[in-house]
Amino acid sequence: MLEHLLQLIKDAGSLQGRLVLLIGGDAEQRSNVLAAASAHVGTGVLPLGIDLARRASSVARRQRPLQAAAQLREVVDATFQDSLVAFLDRTEILFDRTLKIDALDALKRLAHVRTVVASWPGELRNGRLLYAPAGHPEHCDHAAAGFLVHHLS
C-alpha cells in the first residue's frame, strides 16, 4: 500500500497539477499512511485543521473568506518551504462554510508549486469526488479529474 502511494507521489512530480488525494479508510488510517509516506520522503505532515483554524480565528469573521486562501498558502509554504512534497492531514477545515473555500480547487492551486498529498475526508463514487451528503451545507461534488488517487480499502 505504501509503495503504491510513493509511486503516485513520484508520478505526480512530472504532472502540471501535482495533487494526490488519499481517500477511504477512516481519519486515523489516512493519518497513519500520510505519516509513513512523509517519513519515507523525509518531511512531516501538516494537520491543516489545527494550523489554519488558528490563523483564521485571529481574523474578524467577515474578513475570513477574503484571507482564507492566502492563509492556507502561507501555512503550507511556511511548513514545507524546503520540501518538494507537502503532506496535508485533517483537511476538514477546507469545507468550513465561513471560509468560503472550494476545497478541491484550493488543493489543486497548492499543487502548482509542489506535489501535494492530502487526506480527503469524503469519498470517490461513480467518477465523482464527494464530501458530505447532498443538502448538507458543506456538501461538495466534483468530477474526479486533475488529480491522482490513492484509495485505502
Protein backbone atom coordinates (compact mmCIF):
# COMPACT_ATOMS: atom_id res chain seq x y z
CA MET A 1 0.00 0.00 0.00
CA LEU A 2 2.75 2.48 0.91
CA GLU A 3 4.69 1.56 -2.22
CA HIS A 4 1.69 2.49 -4.39
CA LEU A 5 1.36 5.89 -2.70
CA LEU A 6 5.08 6.58 -3.04
CA GLN A 7 4.87 5.71 -6.74
CA LEU A 8 1.92 8.09 -7.18
CA ILE A 9 3.94 10.85 -5.48
CA LYS A 10 6.81 10.20 -7.86
CA ASP A 11 4.45 10.15 -10.86
CA ALA A 12 2.72 13.35 -9.75
CA GLY A 13 6.04 15.21 -9.78
CA SER A 14 6.02 15.16 -13.57
CA LEU A 15 2.44 16.46 -13.95
CA GLN A 16 1.28 20.06 -14.11
CA GLY A 17 -1.26 19.54 -11.31
CA ARG A 18 0.66 17.55 -8.73
CA LEU A 19 -2.16 16.58 -6.41
CA VAL A 20 -2.54 13.14 -4.83
CA LEU A 21 -5.65 12.54 -2.75
CA LEU A 22 -5.72 9.86 -0.08
CA ILE A 23 -9.31 8.60 0.02
CA GLY A 24 -11.10 5.95 2.04
CA GLY A 25 -10.48 4.33 5.38
CA ASP A 26 -11.04 6.37 8.48
CA ALA A 27 -9.22 9.51 9.62
CA GLU A 28 -6.73 7.52 11.70
CA GLN A 29 -5.85 5.22 8.80
CA ARG A 30 -5.30 8.18 6.48
CA SER A 31 -3.15 9.88 9.13
CA ASN A 32 -1.03 6.76 9.58
CA VAL A 33 -0.45 6.36 5.85
CA LEU A 34 0.45 10.04 5.49
CA ALA A 35 2.89 9.77 8.39
CA ALA A 36 4.58 6.71 6.89
CA ALA A 37 4.86 8.29 3.44
CA SER A 38 6.14 11.60 4.78
CA ALA A 39 8.78 9.82 6.87
CA HIS A 40 9.91 8.00 3.74
CA VAL A 41 10.15 11.28 1.82
CA GLY A 42 11.89 12.99 4.74
CA THR A 43 9.37 15.64 5.69
CA GLY A 44 6.45 15.99 8.08
CA VAL A 45 2.67 16.10 7.95
CA LEU A 46 0.71 19.31 8.44
CA PRO A 47 -2.51 18.87 10.44
CA LEU A 48 -4.23 21.55 8.41
CA GLY A 49 -7.29 21.92 10.61
CA ILE A 50 -5.25 22.99 13.61
CA ASP A 51 -2.96 25.49 11.89
CA LEU A 52 -5.49 27.05 9.52
CA ALA A 53 -8.14 27.33 12.26
CA ARG A 54 -5.63 29.11 14.49
CA ARG A 55 -4.85 31.62 11.74
CA ALA A 56 -8.49 32.10 10.75
CA SER A 57 -9.56 32.71 14.34
CA SER A 58 -7.20 35.69 14.52
CA VAL A 59 -9.17 37.42 11.73
CA ALA A 60 -12.60 39.03 12.05
CA ARG A 61 -15.32 36.59 10.95
CA ARG A 62 -16.41 38.59 7.92
CA GLN A 63 -12.80 39.01 6.79
CA ARG A 64 -12.05 35.27 6.88
CA PRO A 65 -13.29 34.49 3.36
CA LEU A 66 -11.10 37.28 1.98
CA GLN A 67 -7.97 35.94 3.66
CA ALA A 68 -8.55 32.18 3.87
CA ALA A 69 -6.88 31.19 0.58
CA ALA A 70 -3.83 33.34 1.32
CA GLN A 71 -3.60 31.96 4.85
CA LEU A 72 -3.80 28.42 3.51
CA ARG A 73 -0.92 29.07 1.11
CA GLU A 74 1.10 30.80 3.85
CA VAL A 75 0.78 27.93 6.32
CA VAL A 76 1.67 25.32 3.66
CA ASP A 77 4.59 27.37 2.30
CA ALA A 78 5.95 28.01 5.80
CA THR A 79 5.71 24.36 6.79
CA PHE A 80 7.13 22.90 3.58
CA GLN A 81 9.46 25.69 2.45
CA ASP A 82 12.33 23.29 1.78
CA SER A 83 10.29 20.36 0.52
CA LEU A 84 9.06 19.38 -2.93
CA VAL A 85 6.18 17.44 -1.32
CA ALA A 86 3.57 18.69 1.16
CA PHE A 87 1.55 16.19 3.22
CA LEU A 88 -1.77 17.61 4.45
CA ASP A 89 -3.92 15.86 7.02
CA ARG A 90 -7.13 16.80 8.85
CA THR A 91 -8.35 18.81 5.86
CA GLU A 92 -11.97 19.10 7.02
CA ILE A 93 -11.39 22.82 7.73
CA LEU A 94 -11.36 23.39 3.97
CA PHE A 95 -15.09 22.63 3.94
CA ASP A 96 -15.95 25.18 6.64
CA ARG A 97 -18.59 27.40 5.03
CA THR A 98 -17.38 30.51 6.90
CA LEU A 99 -14.10 30.35 4.98
CA LYS A 100 -15.85 30.05 1.59
CA ILE A 101 -13.07 27.95 0.09
CA ASP A 102 -13.61 25.41 -2.67
CA ALA A 103 -11.60 22.60 -1.05
CA LEU A 104 -10.60 20.78 -4.23
CA ASP A 105 -9.71 23.98 -6.07
CA ALA A 106 -7.61 25.15 -3.11
CA LEU A 107 -5.68 21.87 -3.05
CA LYS A 108 -5.15 21.99 -6.82
CA ARG A 109 -3.79 25.53 -6.56
CA LEU A 110 -1.33 24.44 -3.87
CA ALA A 111 -0.25 21.59 -6.16
CA HIS A 112 1.05 24.01 -8.80
CA VAL A 113 4.01 24.87 -6.56
CA ARG A 114 4.85 21.43 -5.16
CA THR A 115 3.40 17.94 -5.03
CA VAL A 116 0.54 17.91 -2.50
CA VAL A 117 -0.57 14.69 -0.85
CA ALA A 118 -3.80 15.39 1.01
CA SER A 119 -6.24 13.39 3.04
CA TRP A 120 -9.74 13.65 1.54
CA PRO A 121 -12.38 13.00 4.22
CA GLY A 122 -15.08 12.21 1.67
CA GLU A 123 -15.35 9.51 -0.95
CA LEU A 124 -14.87 8.76 -4.62
CA ARG A 125 -18.02 7.28 -6.14
CA ASN A 126 -19.01 6.81 -9.79
CA GLY A 127 -16.29 9.14 -11.02
CA ARG A 128 -17.29 11.87 -8.57
CA LEU A 129 -15.35 13.22 -5.61
CA LEU A 130 -17.81 13.78 -2.78
CA TYR A 131 -17.87 15.30 0.67
CA ALA A 132 -20.93 15.37 2.94
CA PRO A 133 -24.38 14.23 1.81
CA ALA A 134 -26.46 16.26 -0.64
CA GLY A 135 -28.31 19.00 1.17
CA HIS A 136 -25.63 19.36 3.86
CA PRO A 137 -24.16 22.91 3.99
CA GLU A 138 -20.64 21.53 3.43
CA HIS A 139 -21.64 19.23 0.55
CA CYS A 140 -19.33 19.25 -2.43
CA ASP A 141 -19.40 17.19 -5.58
CA HIS A 142 -16.64 17.38 -8.20
CA ALA A 143 -15.71 15.41 -11.28
CA ALA A 144 -12.77 13.17 -10.48
CA ALA A 145 -10.26 14.89 -12.76
CA GLY A 146 -6.99 16.74 -12.37
CA PHE A 147 -5.55 14.65 -9.54
CA LEU A 148 -4.25 11.19 -8.68
CA VAL A 149 -5.98 8.95 -6.14
CA HIS A 150 -4.62 6.54 -3.56
CA HIS A 151 -7.58 4.63 -2.20
CA LEU A 152 -7.47 2.93 1.20
CA SER A 153 -9.66 -0.15 1.43
